[in-house]
PDB file of N, CA and C in Angstrom:
ATOM      1  N   MET A   1     -56.987  55.579  -7.969  1.00  0.00           N
ATOM      2  CA  MET A   1     -55.978  54.838  -8.247  1.00  0.00           C
ATOM      3  C   MET A   1     -55.058  55.340  -9.464  1.00  0.00           C
ATOM      4  N   LYS A   2     -55.524  55.593 -10.281  1.00  0.00           N
ATOM      5  CA  LYS A   2     -55.123  55.911 -11.916  1.00  0.00           C
ATOM      6  C   LYS A   2     -53.683  56.910 -11.595  1.00  0.00           C
ATOM      7  N   ARG A   3     -54.022  57.803 -10.369  1.00  0.00           N
ATOM      8  CA  ARG A   3     -53.022  58.996 -10.511  1.00  0.00           C
ATOM      9  C   ARG A   3     -51.957  58.292  -9.710  1.00  0.00           C
ATOM     10  N   PHE A   4     -52.174  57.168  -8.918  1.00  0.00           N
ATOM     11  CA  PHE A   4     -50.753  56.931  -8.344  1.00  0.00           C
ATOM     12  C   PHE A   4     -50.265  56.262  -9.116  1.00  0.00           C
ATOM     13  N   ILE A   5     -50.731  55.262  -9.885  1.00  0.00           N
ATOM     14  CA  ILE A   5     -50.041  54.759 -11.404  1.00  0.00           C
ATOM     15  C   ILE A   5     -49.257  55.613 -11.947  1.00  0.00           C
ATOM     16  N   PHE A   6     -50.029  56.606 -12.578  1.00  0.00           N
ATOM     17  CA  PHE A   6     -49.478  57.384 -13.464  1.00  0.00           C
ATOM     18  C   PHE A   6     -48.204  58.293 -12.858  1.00  0.00           C
ATOM     19  N   TRP A   7     -48.778  58.757 -11.638  1.00  0.00           N
ATOM     20  CA  TRP A   7     -47.317  59.176 -10.849  1.00  0.00           C
ATOM     21  C   TRP A   7     -46.159  58.489 -10.342  1.00  0.00           C
ATOM     22  N   SER A   8     -46.640  57.583  -9.943  1.00  0.00           N
ATOM     23  CA  SER A   8     -45.327  56.294  -9.919  1.00  0.00           C
ATOM     24  C   SER A   8     -44.663  55.952 -11.351  1.00  0.00           C
ATOM     25  N   ILE A   9     -45.367  55.812 -12.614  1.00  0.00           N
ATOM     26  CA  ILE A   9     -44.661  55.756 -13.702  1.00  0.00           C
ATOM     27  C   ILE A   9     -44.104  56.784 -13.667  1.00  0.00           C
ATOM     28  N   ILE A  10     -44.461  58.415 -13.833  1.00  0.00           N
ATOM     29  CA  ILE A  10     -43.343  59.553 -14.317  1.00  0.00           C
ATOM     30  C   ILE A  10     -42.265  59.301 -13.371  1.00  0.00           C
ATOM     31  N   ILE A  11     -42.528  58.814 -12.428  1.00  0.00           N
ATOM     32  CA  ILE A  11     -41.018  59.294 -11.197  1.00  0.00           C
ATOM     33  C   ILE A  11     -40.490  58.070 -11.456  1.00  0.00           C
ATOM     34  N   LEU A  12     -40.459  56.409 -11.470  1.00  0.00           N
ATOM     35  CA  LEU A  12     -39.460  55.587 -11.251  1.00  0.00           C
ATOM     36  C   LEU A  12     -39.154  55.518 -12.856  1.00  0.00           C
ATOM     37  N   VAL A  13     -39.860  55.450 -13.674  1.00  0.00           N
ATOM     38  CA  VAL A  13     -39.128  55.214 -15.154  1.00  0.00           C
ATOM     39  C   VAL A  13     -37.901  56.248 -14.981  1.00  0.00           C
ATOM     40  N   PRO A  14     -38.047  57.594 -15.391  1.00  0.00           N
ATOM     41  CA  PRO A  14     -36.875  58.148 -15.476  1.00  0.00           C
ATOM     42  C   PRO A  14     -35.723  57.957 -14.509  1.00  0.00           C
ATOM     43  N   THR A  15     -36.475  57.573 -13.325  1.00  0.00           N
ATOM     44  CA  THR A  15     -34.932  57.198 -12.306  1.00  0.00           C
ATOM     45  C   THR A  15     -34.454  56.050 -12.066  1.00  0.00           C
ATOM     46  N   ILE A  16     -34.647  55.186 -12.860  1.00  0.00           N
ATOM     47  CA  ILE A  16     -34.191  53.479 -13.253  1.00  0.00           C
ATOM     48  C   ILE A  16     -33.652  53.873 -14.623  1.00  0.00           C
ATOM     49  N   ALA A  17     -34.149  54.733 -15.638  1.00  0.00           N
ATOM     50  CA  ALA A  17     -33.320  54.304 -17.111  1.00  0.00           C
ATOM     51  C   ALA A  17     -32.215  55.529 -17.364  1.00  0.00           C
ATOM     52  N   PHE A  18     -32.126  56.434 -16.171  1.00  0.00           N
ATOM     53  CA  PHE A  18     -31.096  57.018 -15.834  1.00  0.00           C
ATOM     54  C   PHE A  18     -30.496  56.750 -14.556  1.00  0.00           C
ATOM     55  N   ALA A  19     -30.163  56.022 -14.068  1.00  0.00           N
ATOM     56  CA  ALA A  19     -29.239  55.562 -13.342  1.00  0.00           C
ATOM     57  C   ALA A  19     -28.048  55.084 -13.435  1.00  0.00           C
ATOM     58  N   GLN A  20     -26.987  55.098 -13.046  1.00  0.00           N
ATOM     59  CA  GLN A  20     -25.763  55.054 -13.618  1.00  0.00           C
ATOM     60  C   GLN A  20     -24.927  54.570 -12.036  1.00  0.00           C
ATOM     61  N   ILE A  21     -24.188  53.003 -12.684  1.00  0.00           N
ATOM     62  CA  ILE A  21     -23.780  52.308 -11.478  1.00  0.00           C
ATOM     63  C   ILE A  21     -22.295  52.585 -12.018  1.00  0.00           C
ATOM     64  N   ASP A  22     -21.228  52.764 -11.233  1.00  0.00           N
ATOM     65  CA  ASP A  22     -19.943  53.091 -11.285  1.00  0.00           C
ATOM     66  C   ASP A  22     -19.165  51.754 -11.321  1.00  0.00           C
ATOM     67  N   PHE A  23     -18.096  51.746 -11.487  1.00  0.00           N
ATOM     68  CA  PHE A  23     -17.428  50.346 -11.152  1.00  0.00           C
ATOM     69  C   PHE A  23     -16.287  50.462 -11.114  1.00  0.00           C
ATOM     70  N   THR A  24     -15.434  50.592 -10.300  1.00  0.00           N
ATOM     71  CA  THR A  24     -13.731  50.737 -10.356  1.00  0.00           C
ATOM     72  C   THR A  24     -13.179  49.346 -10.847  1.00  0.00           C
ATOM     73  N   ARG A  25     -12.161  49.246 -11.598  1.00  0.00           N
ATOM     74  CA  ARG A  25     -11.394  47.998 -11.886  1.00  0.00           C
ATOM     75  C   ARG A  25      -9.981  48.432 -10.960  1.00  0.00           C
ATOM     76  N   TYR A  26      -9.803  47.207 -10.508  1.00  0.00           N
ATOM     77  CA  TYR A  26      -8.606  46.714  -9.969  1.00  0.00           C
ATOM     78  C   TYR A  26      -7.540  45.291 -10.551  1.00  0.00           C
ATOM     79  N   VAL A  27      -6.286  45.560 -10.944  1.00  0.00           N
ATOM     80  CA  VAL A  27      -5.710  44.650 -11.145  1.00  0.00           C
ATOM     81  C   VAL A  27      -4.740  44.118  -9.917  1.00  0.00           C
ATOM     82  N   ILE A  28      -5.282  42.695  -9.863  1.00  0.00           N
ATOM     83  CA  ILE A  28      -4.670  42.121  -8.520  1.00  0.00           C
ATOM     84  C   ILE A  28      -3.336  41.418  -9.529  1.00  0.00           C
ATOM     85  N   ASP A  29      -2.006  42.166  -8.793  1.00  0.00           N
ATOM     86  CA  ASP A  29      -0.831  41.562  -9.225  1.00  0.00           C
ATOM     87  C   ASP A  29      -0.421  40.161  -9.030  1.00  0.00           C
ATOM     88  N   SER A  30       0.044  38.977  -9.995  1.00  0.00           N
ATOM     89  CA  SER A  30      -0.331  38.171  -9.666  1.00  0.00           C
ATOM     90  C   SER A  30       1.644  37.943  -8.828  1.00  0.00           C
ATOM     91  N   THR A  31       2.150  38.487  -9.113  1.00  0.00           N
ATOM     92  CA  THR A  31       3.313  38.567  -8.648  1.00  0.00           C
ATOM     93  C   THR A  31       3.424  38.284  -7.015  1.00  0.00           C
ATOM     94  N   THR A  32       2.685  39.019  -6.607  1.00  0.00           N
ATOM     95  CA  THR A  32       2.665  38.947  -5.153  1.00  0.00           C
ATOM     96  C   THR A  32       1.614  37.955  -4.273  1.00  0.00           C
ATOM     97  N   ILE A  33       0.986  37.261  -5.164  1.00  0.00           N
ATOM     98  CA  ILE A  33       0.032  36.074  -4.806  1.00  0.00           C
ATOM     99  C   ILE A  33       0.637  34.621  -5.637  1.00  0.00           C
ATOM    100  N   SER A  34       1.123  33.727  -5.309  1.00  0.00           N
ATOM    101  CA  SER A  34       1.796  32.544  -5.867  1.00  0.00           C
ATOM    102  C   SER A  34       0.896  31.616  -6.084  1.00  0.00           C
ATOM    103  N   ARG A  35       0.307  31.127  -6.998  1.00  0.00           N
ATOM    104  CA  ARG A  35      -0.702  29.978  -7.157  1.00  0.00           C
ATOM    105  C   ARG A  35      -1.747  29.620  -5.987  1.00  0.00           C
ATOM    106  N   PRO A  36      -2.712  30.412  -5.977  1.00  0.00           N
ATOM    107  CA  PRO A  36      -3.399  30.718  -4.415  1.00  0.00           C
ATOM    108  C   PRO A  36      -4.377  29.153  -4.518  1.00  0.00           C
ATOM    109  N   TYR A  37      -4.789  28.569  -3.902  1.00  0.00           N
ATOM    110  CA  TYR A  37      -5.921  28.116  -3.694  1.00  0.00           C
ATOM    111  C   TYR A  37      -7.250  28.812  -3.688  1.00  0.00           C
ATOM    112  N   GLY A  38      -7.523  29.538  -3.135  1.00  0.00           N
ATOM    113  CA  GLY A  38      -8.828  30.626  -3.270  1.00  0.00           C
ATOM    114  C   GLY A  38      -8.799  31.826  -3.481  1.00  0.00           C
ATOM    115  N   VAL A  39      -9.835  32.525  -3.851  1.00  0.00           N
ATOM    116  CA  VAL A  39      -9.715  33.794  -4.096  1.00  0.00           C
ATOM    117  C   VAL A  39     -10.938  34.393  -3.149  1.00  0.00           C
ATOM    118  N   PHE A  40     -11.272  35.169  -2.535  1.00  0.00           N
ATOM    119  CA  PHE A  40     -12.407  35.495  -2.240  1.00  0.00           C
ATOM    120  C   PHE A  40     -12.679  36.932  -2.254  1.00  0.00           C
ATOM    121  N   ALA A  41     -13.688  37.552  -2.404  1.00  0.00           N
ATOM    122  CA  ALA A  41     -13.684  38.842  -2.303  1.00  0.00           C
ATOM    123  C   ALA A  41     -15.375  38.727  -0.938  1.00  0.00           C
ATOM    124  N   ILE A  42     -14.787  39.605   0.128  1.00  0.00           N
ATOM    125  CA  ILE A  42     -15.640  39.669   1.352  1.00  0.00           C
ATOM    126  C   ILE A  42     -15.061  40.858   1.915  1.00  0.00           C
ATOM    127  N   ASP A  43     -15.960  41.661   2.683  1.00  0.00           N
ATOM    128  CA  ASP A  43     -16.002  42.806   3.667  1.00  0.00           C
ATOM    129  C   ASP A  43     -14.960  42.449   5.050  1.00  0.00           C
ATOM    130  N   LEU A  44     -13.636  42.560   4.576  1.00  0.00           N
ATOM    131  CA  LEU A  44     -13.026  41.403   5.842  1.00  0.00           C
ATOM    132  C   LEU A  44     -12.572  42.716   7.548  1.00  0.00           C
ATOM    133  N   ASP A  45     -12.460  43.723   7.172  1.00  0.00           N
ATOM    134  CA  ASP A  45     -12.524  44.505   7.859  1.00  0.00           C
ATOM    135  C   ASP A  45     -13.567  46.197   8.398  1.00  0.00           C
ATOM    136  N   GLN A  46     -15.194  45.373   7.881  1.00  0.00           N
ATOM    137  CA  GLN A  46     -16.284  45.901   8.021  1.00  0.00           C
ATOM    138  C   GLN A  46     -15.936  47.369   7.295  1.00  0.00           C
ATOM    139  N   ASP A  47     -15.076  47.736   6.543  1.00  0.00           N
ATOM    140  CA  ASP A  47     -15.603  49.429   6.061  1.00  0.00           C
ATOM    141  C   ASP A  47     -16.408  49.669   4.662  1.00  0.00           C
ATOM    142  N   ASN A  48     -17.285  48.935   4.861  1.00  0.00           N
ATOM    143  CA  ASN A  48     -18.156  48.974   3.622  1.00  0.00           C
ATOM    144  C   ASN A  48     -17.380  49.066   2.182  1.00  0.00           C
ATOM    145  N   ASP A  49     -16.106  48.185   2.233  1.00  0.00           N
ATOM    146  CA  ASP A  49     -15.842  47.793   0.691  1.00  0.00           C
ATOM    147  C   ASP A  49     -15.232  46.364   0.836  1.00  0.00           C
ATOM    148  N   ILE A  50     -14.968  46.009  -0.338  1.00  0.00           N
ATOM    149  CA  ILE A  50     -14.817  44.536  -0.750  1.00  0.00           C
ATOM    150  C   ILE A  50     -13.430  44.183  -0.745  1.00  0.00           C
ATOM    151  N   ASP A  51     -12.420  43.581   0.264  1.00  0.00           N
ATOM    152  CA  ASP A  51     -11.586  43.292   0.174  1.00  0.00           C
ATOM    153  C   ASP A  51     -10.735  42.262  -0.059  1.00  0.00           C
ATOM    154  N   VAL A  52      -9.750  41.864  -1.160  1.00  0.00           N
ATOM    155  CA  VAL A  52      -9.603  40.240  -1.622  1.00  0.00           C
ATOM    156  C   VAL A  52      -8.774  39.690  -0.774  1.00  0.00           C
ATOM    157  N   TYR A  53      -9.126  38.478   0.065  1.00  0.00           N
ATOM    158  CA  TYR A  53      -8.303  37.543   0.519  1.00  0.00           C
ATOM    159  C   TYR A  53      -8.448  36.120  -0.334  1.00  0.00           C
ATOM    160  N   ARG A  54      -6.809  35.978  -0.342  1.00  0.00           N
ATOM    161  CA  ARG A  54      -6.491  35.171  -1.074  1.00  0.00           C
ATOM    162  C   ARG A  54      -6.031  33.091  -0.020  1.00  0.00           C
ATOM    163  N   GLN A  55      -6.451  32.113  -0.447  1.00  0.00           N
ATOM    164  CA  GLN A  55      -5.906  31.110   0.404  1.00  0.00           C
ATOM    165  C   GLN A  55      -4.565  30.109   0.593  1.00  0.00           C
TER     166      GLN A  55
END
């Protein structure tokens, strides 16, 4: 059991410590959206990326 805990720590700690999350910044043009009532982030076309929907 001690070996399992030891190897779990040896493998998991570097993986978690060096994990990087990438974000892509997008600017929503306010000239094309005139006074929206609501803005939602949802996957409308089910292609595993987030689409912006305005109401």
